[in-house]
Protein backbone atom coordinates (compact mmCIF):
# COMPACT_ATOMS: atom_id res chain seq x y z
CA PRO A 1 0.00 0.00 0.00
CA LYS A 2 0.94 3.65 -0.39
CA LEU A 3 0.39 6.44 2.11
CA TYR A 4 0.13 10.01 0.84
CA GLY A 5 1.69 12.92 2.70
CA ASN A 6 2.72 12.58 6.30
CA GLY A 7 -0.14 10.26 7.36
CA GLU A 8 -1.54 12.83 9.75
CA ASN A 9 -4.60 13.65 7.62
CA VAL A 10 -7.71 13.01 9.71
CA ARG A 11 -10.97 11.46 8.57
CA ASP A 12 -14.17 10.47 10.34
CA TRP A 13 -14.23 6.71 9.76
CA ILE A 14 -17.70 5.16 9.67
CA HIS A 15 -18.85 1.56 9.28
CA THR A 16 -20.60 0.91 5.98
CA ASP A 17 -23.73 -0.32 7.75
CA ASP A 18 -23.94 2.92 9.73
CA HIS A 19 -23.45 5.00 6.60
CA SER A 20 -26.19 3.05 4.82
CA THR A 21 -28.66 3.45 7.68
CA GLY A 22 -27.81 7.14 7.81
CA VAL A 23 -28.60 7.53 4.10
CA TRP A 24 -31.83 5.57 4.51
CA THR A 25 -32.87 7.70 7.48
CA ILE A 26 -32.29 10.87 5.46
CA LEU A 27 -34.26 9.49 2.50
CA THR A 28 -37.20 8.35 4.60
CA LYS A 29 -37.35 10.96 7.38
CA GLY A 30 -35.37 13.96 6.16
CA ARG A 31 -36.89 17.25 5.09
CA LEU A 32 -36.68 18.10 1.40
CA GLY A 33 -33.96 20.65 0.69
CA GLU A 34 -32.14 20.09 3.98
CA THR A 35 -28.54 18.97 4.30
CA TYR A 36 -27.62 16.22 6.75
CA LEU A 37 -24.08 15.05 7.46
CA ILE A 38 -23.44 11.40 8.29
CA GLY A 39 -20.64 10.87 10.78
CA ALA A 40 -19.74 8.48 13.55
CA ASN A 41 -17.41 10.55 15.73
CA GLY A 42 -14.70 8.15 14.60
CA GLU A 43 -11.88 10.53 13.75
CA ARG A 44 -8.52 8.87 13.18
CA ASN A 45 -5.47 9.83 11.20
CA ASN A 46 -4.65 7.89 8.06
CA ILE A 47 -1.40 6.40 9.33
CA THR A 48 -3.17 4.82 12.31
CA VAL A 49 -5.87 3.31 10.10
CA LEU A 50 -3.35 1.96 7.59
CA ARG A 51 -1.29 0.37 10.34
CA ASP A 52 -4.43 -1.11 11.91
CA ILE A 53 -5.44 -2.63 8.54
CA LEU A 54 -2.00 -4.13 8.00
CA THR A 55 -1.95 -5.57 11.53
CA VAL A 56 -5.41 -7.15 11.20
CA MET A 57 -4.27 -8.69 7.91
CA GLY A 58 -1.21 -10.23 9.59
CA GLN A 59 1.25 -7.85 7.92
CA ASP A 60 4.03 -5.68 9.31
CA PRO A 61 2.38 -2.36 10.26
CA ASP A 62 5.20 -0.54 8.45
CA ALA A 63 4.78 -2.48 5.17
CA PHE A 64 3.81 0.52 3.03
CA ASP A 65 5.46 3.16 0.88
CA TRP A 66 5.30 6.89 1.51
CA VAL A 67 4.33 8.96 -1.53
CA LYS A 68 4.04 12.70 -2.06
CA ASP A 69 0.71 14.20 -1.06
CA ARG A 70 -1.38 15.74 -3.81
CA PRO A 71 -1.56 19.55 -3.84
CA GLY A 72 -4.52 20.99 -1.96
CA HIS A 73 -5.26 17.75 -0.13
CA ASP A 74 -7.48 18.49 2.88
CA ARG A 75 -5.80 17.76 6.20
CA ARG A 76 -9.03 17.07 8.02
CA TYR A 77 -12.64 16.34 7.15
CA ALA A 78 -14.74 17.32 10.15
CA ILE A 79 -18.23 15.83 10.12
CA ASP A 80 -20.85 17.07 12.54
CA SER A 81 -23.85 14.73 12.42
CA THR A 82 -25.68 16.45 15.29
CA LYS A 83 -28.55 17.55 13.02
CA LEU A 84 -29.08 14.02 11.71
CA GLN A 85 -28.98 12.60 15.21
CA THR A 86 -31.19 15.15 16.95
CA GLU A 87 -33.68 15.93 14.19
CA LEU A 88 -34.07 12.45 12.66
CA GLY A 89 -33.03 10.23 15.57
CA TRP A 90 -30.22 8.40 13.74
CA LYS A 91 -27.20 7.16 15.69
CA PRO A 92 -24.20 5.07 14.62
CA VAL A 93 -24.30 1.52 15.96
CA HIS A 94 -20.82 0.28 15.04
CA THR A 95 -18.69 2.54 17.24
CA ASP A 96 -15.94 0.03 18.07
CA PHE A 97 -13.51 0.89 15.27
CA GLN A 98 -11.28 -2.15 15.70
CA LYS A 99 -14.18 -4.62 15.68
CA GLY A 100 -15.74 -2.95 12.63
CA LEU A 101 -12.41 -3.00 10.81
CA GLU A 102 -11.98 -6.70 11.53
CA GLN A 103 -15.53 -7.43 10.29
CA THR A 104 -14.95 -5.44 7.10
CA ILE A 105 -11.66 -7.17 6.31
CA LYS A 106 -13.28 -10.57 6.96
CA TRP A 107 -16.13 -9.70 4.60
CA TYR A 108 -13.73 -8.76 1.79
CA THR A 109 -11.64 -11.88 2.44
CA ASP A 110 -14.74 -14.11 2.34
CA ASN A 111 -16.23 -12.43 -0.76
CA ARG A 112 -13.29 -12.19 -3.15
CA ALA A 113 -15.39 -13.51 -6.06
CA TRP A 114 -17.65 -10.47 -5.72
CA TRP A 115 -15.00 -7.72 -5.85
CA GLU A 116 -11.90 -9.18 -7.56
CA PRO A 117 -13.32 -9.05 -11.15
CA ALA A 118 -14.27 -5.37 -10.73
CA LYS A 119 -10.82 -4.58 -9.32
CA ALA A 120 -9.07 -6.38 -12.18
CA ALA A 121 -11.19 -4.54 -14.78
CA THR A 122 -10.45 -1.17 -13.18
CA GLU A 123 -6.71 -1.88 -13.02
CA ALA A 124 -6.71 -2.99 -16.68
CA LYS A 125 -8.46 0.25 -17.67
CA TYR A 126 -5.88 2.38 -15.84
CA LYS A 127 -3.02 0.38 -17.33
CA GLN A 128 -4.46 0.91 -20.82
CA GLN A 129 -4.55 4.65 -20.12
CA GLY A 130 -0.92 4.57 -19.01
CA GLN A 131 -1.67 5.16 -15.34
């Protein structure tokens, strides 16, 4: 894997199930024209997440390459989901980051036949374009 910049960029990491239920809540309960942010109060920096992924996968947590960050890359994405939680009653369920990460990696490991063809097709397309 490659890590851009210094690894200190911060994101609000959210379990896919929580994101999906947040979208569904907005679609079914939200007010037309309103903006709702979906977040799980799961801020972590990229280097920590990458090292956690490598560790869960049985790899050396330093088994990645540093690459130059792209210009204008945001250092932090701050998500405030207070409006979604208070107005529509949505709350994230999967708040144990480590457990959610392990479940996600297991799902991808168990379902290779679902995602590997799409990955191979995408990589072939980029290779054809010289990327």
